[in-house]
Amino acid sequence: MKESVPEIHKKNAKKSYSFALITISTSRYEMYGSTISPEEAEDLSGKAIKDLLEGAGNNVSFYRLVPDEKDAILDALFTALDSSADVVITNGGTGLAPKDLTIESVIPLFEKEIPGFGELFRYKSLEEIGTSVILTRASAGVIKGKAVFCLPGSPNAVKLAISKIIIPEAGHIVRHVRE
């Protein structure tokens, strides 16, 4: 049986990557301040992301907890982009509340958008949360030669995005971003 182009791309891709993780939560930041691991901040979504990535053979080389403030988000994002990470993942701040500033902070920096990520994430979320999927602005794009994913802050949302979309496609995405 002949392999499809996506199967060939995935087969030829590196199998593990380094990830930077940024959790955006003002309430958690006010309780725990600056921490170096999701466990220190009782960050369930950050821990779920880290556990899933590491369980798939990847490395989480960078973690930051920041308040939902544009300057804090951008500072953490630029530090992550300058790190050795292949991929940056943010979680939190993608909703519609006035305090949700992740999307307004990150999307203007995209050199290229990956609109299929948000579309696929909402499609896969439909079964779990119904039409409430319209409330998320989960997005992805490329900044400084690295893929950046902006995920909602709920543990179930990050588990879905990481296990069903990001891990299966990381190699394919990183390879194309680096071409």
Protein backbone atom coordinates (compact mmCIF):
# COMPACT_ATOMS: atom_id res chain seq x y z
CA MET A 1 0.00 0.00 0.00
CA LYS A 2 1.36 3.41 -0.98
CA GLU A 3 1.90 5.92 1.84
CA SER A 4 0.19 9.30 1.66
CA VAL A 5 2.24 12.50 1.63
CA PRO A 6 1.31 13.36 5.27
CA GLU A 7 2.34 9.86 6.39
CA ILE A 8 5.69 10.23 4.62
CA HIS A 9 6.26 13.67 6.20
CA LYS A 10 5.47 12.34 9.66
CA LYS A 11 7.61 9.23 9.18
CA ASN A 12 10.62 11.36 8.19
CA ALA A 13 10.13 13.92 10.99
CA LYS A 14 12.17 14.00 14.16
CA LYS A 15 10.31 12.19 16.93
CA SER A 16 10.86 14.46 19.94
CA TYR A 17 10.95 18.20 20.45
CA SER A 18 11.60 20.80 23.07
CA PHE A 19 8.59 22.82 24.20
CA ALA A 20 8.22 26.11 26.05
CA LEU A 21 5.10 26.42 28.19
CA ILE A 22 3.51 29.68 29.36
CA THR A 23 0.48 29.63 31.66
CA ILE A 24 -1.47 32.89 31.67
CA SER A 25 -3.54 33.30 34.82
CA THR A 26 -3.75 36.44 36.93
CA SER A 27 -5.42 34.65 39.88
CA ARG A 28 -2.84 31.85 39.93
CA TYR A 29 0.00 34.36 39.52
CA GLU A 30 -1.31 36.39 42.47
CA MET A 31 -1.35 33.23 44.60
CA TYR A 32 2.01 31.73 43.56
CA GLY A 33 4.04 34.44 41.86
CA SER A 34 6.80 33.53 39.47
CA THR A 35 7.41 29.79 39.51
CA ILE A 36 9.58 27.43 37.50
CA SER A 37 7.19 24.47 37.24
CA PRO A 38 3.45 23.87 36.95
CA GLU A 39 3.59 21.72 40.09
CA GLU A 40 4.78 24.70 42.19
CA ALA A 41 1.78 26.74 41.05
CA GLU A 42 -0.78 23.94 41.32
CA ASP A 43 -1.29 24.60 37.60
CA LEU A 44 -3.43 21.65 36.50
CA SER A 45 -3.48 22.64 32.83
CA GLY A 46 0.26 23.32 32.73
CA LYS A 47 0.93 20.00 34.46
CA ALA A 48 -1.35 18.16 32.02
CA ILE A 49 0.49 19.72 29.07
CA LYS A 50 3.89 18.88 30.55
CA ASP A 51 2.89 15.30 31.41
CA LEU A 52 1.42 14.62 27.96
CA LEU A 53 4.39 16.11 26.12
CA GLU A 54 6.96 14.28 28.25
CA GLY A 55 4.94 11.07 28.08
CA ALA A 56 5.26 11.26 24.29
CA GLY A 57 9.06 11.59 24.56
CA ASN A 58 9.30 15.38 24.30
CA ASN A 59 11.03 17.82 26.64
CA VAL A 60 9.50 20.84 28.38
CA SER A 61 12.55 23.08 28.66
CA PHE A 62 10.84 26.29 29.74
CA TYR A 63 7.88 27.14 32.00
CA ARG A 64 6.48 30.50 33.07
CA LEU A 65 3.40 31.53 34.99
CA VAL A 66 2.35 35.10 34.17
CA PRO A 67 -0.63 37.35 34.85
CA ASP A 68 -3.04 38.12 32.01
CA GLU A 69 -1.32 41.41 31.20
CA LYS A 70 0.06 42.25 27.77
CA ASP A 71 3.59 43.18 28.94
CA ALA A 72 3.94 40.02 31.06
CA ILE A 73 2.64 37.81 28.23
CA LEU A 74 5.00 39.38 25.69
CA ASP A 75 8.01 39.22 28.01
CA ALA A 76 7.45 35.50 28.63
CA LEU A 77 6.74 34.87 24.94
CA PHE A 78 9.92 36.62 23.74
CA THR A 79 12.00 34.77 26.35
CA ALA A 80 10.46 31.46 25.21
CA LEU A 81 11.11 32.31 21.55
CA ASP A 82 14.75 33.04 22.37
CA SER A 83 15.10 29.73 24.24
CA SER A 84 16.07 26.38 22.74
CA ALA A 85 12.40 25.33 22.47
CA ASP A 86 11.12 24.16 19.10
CA VAL A 87 7.47 24.97 19.93
CA VAL A 88 5.82 27.47 22.31
CA ILE A 89 2.48 26.73 23.96
CA THR A 90 0.46 29.25 25.93
CA ASN A 91 -2.61 28.32 27.93
CA GLY A 92 -5.18 30.69 29.36
CA GLY A 93 -6.52 34.07 28.32
CA THR A 94 -8.22 32.97 25.08
CA GLY A 95 -11.80 33.68 26.14
CA LEU A 96 -14.05 36.67 25.60
CA ALA A 97 -13.76 38.39 29.00
CA PRO A 98 -12.15 41.84 28.97
CA LYS A 99 -9.28 40.44 31.06
CA ASP A 100 -8.46 37.75 28.43
CA LEU A 101 -5.53 39.33 26.56
CA THR A 102 -3.53 36.41 25.17
CA ILE A 103 -4.92 36.62 21.66
CA GLU A 104 -4.60 40.42 21.47
CA SER A 105 -0.99 40.13 22.66
CA VAL A 106 0.18 37.21 20.50
CA ILE A 107 -1.68 37.22 17.16
CA PRO A 108 -0.26 40.59 15.98
CA LEU A 109 3.19 38.93 16.13
CA PHE A 110 2.27 36.01 13.85
CA GLU A 111 4.36 36.01 10.70
CA LYS A 112 2.08 33.26 9.42
CA GLU A 113 -1.17 32.02 10.90
CA ILE A 114 -2.10 28.35 11.21
CA PRO A 115 -5.89 28.79 11.00
CA GLY A 116 -6.51 25.05 10.68
CA PHE A 117 -5.42 24.57 14.29
CA GLY A 118 -8.19 26.72 15.76
CA GLU A 119 -10.74 25.29 13.36
CA LEU A 120 -9.78 21.68 14.16
CA PHE A 121 -9.60 22.37 17.90
CA ARG A 122 -13.12 23.81 17.94
CA TYR A 123 -14.41 20.93 15.78
CA LYS A 124 -12.92 18.32 18.12
CA SER A 125 -14.20 20.24 21.18
CA LEU A 126 -17.77 20.33 19.88
CA GLU A 127 -18.49 16.80 21.10
CA GLU A 128 -17.26 17.60 24.63
CA ILE A 129 -18.68 21.09 25.25
CA GLY A 130 -21.24 21.64 22.53
CA THR A 131 -21.80 25.01 20.96
CA SER A 132 -19.82 26.69 23.76
CA VAL A 133 -16.83 26.15 21.44
CA ILE A 134 -17.64 29.51 19.89
CA LEU A 135 -16.31 31.17 23.06
CA THR A 136 -12.71 30.07 22.51
CA ARG A 137 -10.26 31.95 20.37
CA ALA A 138 -7.63 29.18 20.41
CA SER A 139 -5.09 30.03 17.72
CA ALA A 140 -1.71 29.12 16.31
CA GLY A 141 0.91 30.73 14.15
CA VAL A 142 4.60 31.15 13.48
CA ILE A 143 6.84 33.71 15.18
CA LYS A 144 10.61 33.89 14.71
CA GLY A 145 10.69 30.47 13.06
CA LYS A 146 8.79 28.70 15.85
CA ALA A 147 5.24 27.39 16.04
CA VAL A 148 3.19 29.09 18.77
CA PHE A 149 -0.07 27.60 20.02
CA CYS A 150 -2.51 29.61 22.17
CA LEU A 151 -4.76 27.24 24.10
CA PRO A 152 -7.62 27.81 26.53
CA GLY A 153 -6.83 27.34 30.20
CA SER A 154 -9.06 24.39 31.03
CA PRO A 155 -7.41 21.02 31.71
CA ASN A 156 -9.78 19.20 29.33
CA ALA A 157 -9.13 21.69 26.54
CA VAL A 158 -5.35 21.42 26.82
CA LYS A 159 -5.47 17.63 26.99
CA LEU A 160 -7.50 17.53 23.78
CA ALA A 161 -5.26 20.02 21.95
CA ILE A 162 -2.00 18.41 23.04
CA SER A 163 -2.92 14.75 22.59
CA LYS A 164 -5.15 14.94 19.50
CA ILE A 165 -3.54 17.75 17.50
CA ILE A 166 -0.18 19.10 18.66
CA ILE A 167 1.70 15.89 19.47
CA PRO A 168 0.57 14.10 16.27
CA GLU A 169 1.49 17.11 14.09
CA ALA A 170 4.53 18.60 15.90
CA GLY A 171 7.11 17.01 13.62
CA HIS A 172 5.29 17.99 10.46
CA ILE A 173 4.80 21.58 11.65
CA VAL A 174 8.35 22.08 12.94
CA ARG A 175 9.80 20.73 9.72
CA HIS A 176 7.80 23.12 7.56
CA VAL A 177 8.47 26.11 9.82
CA ARG A 178 12.21 25.48 9.51
CA GLU A 179 12.28 25.09 5.69
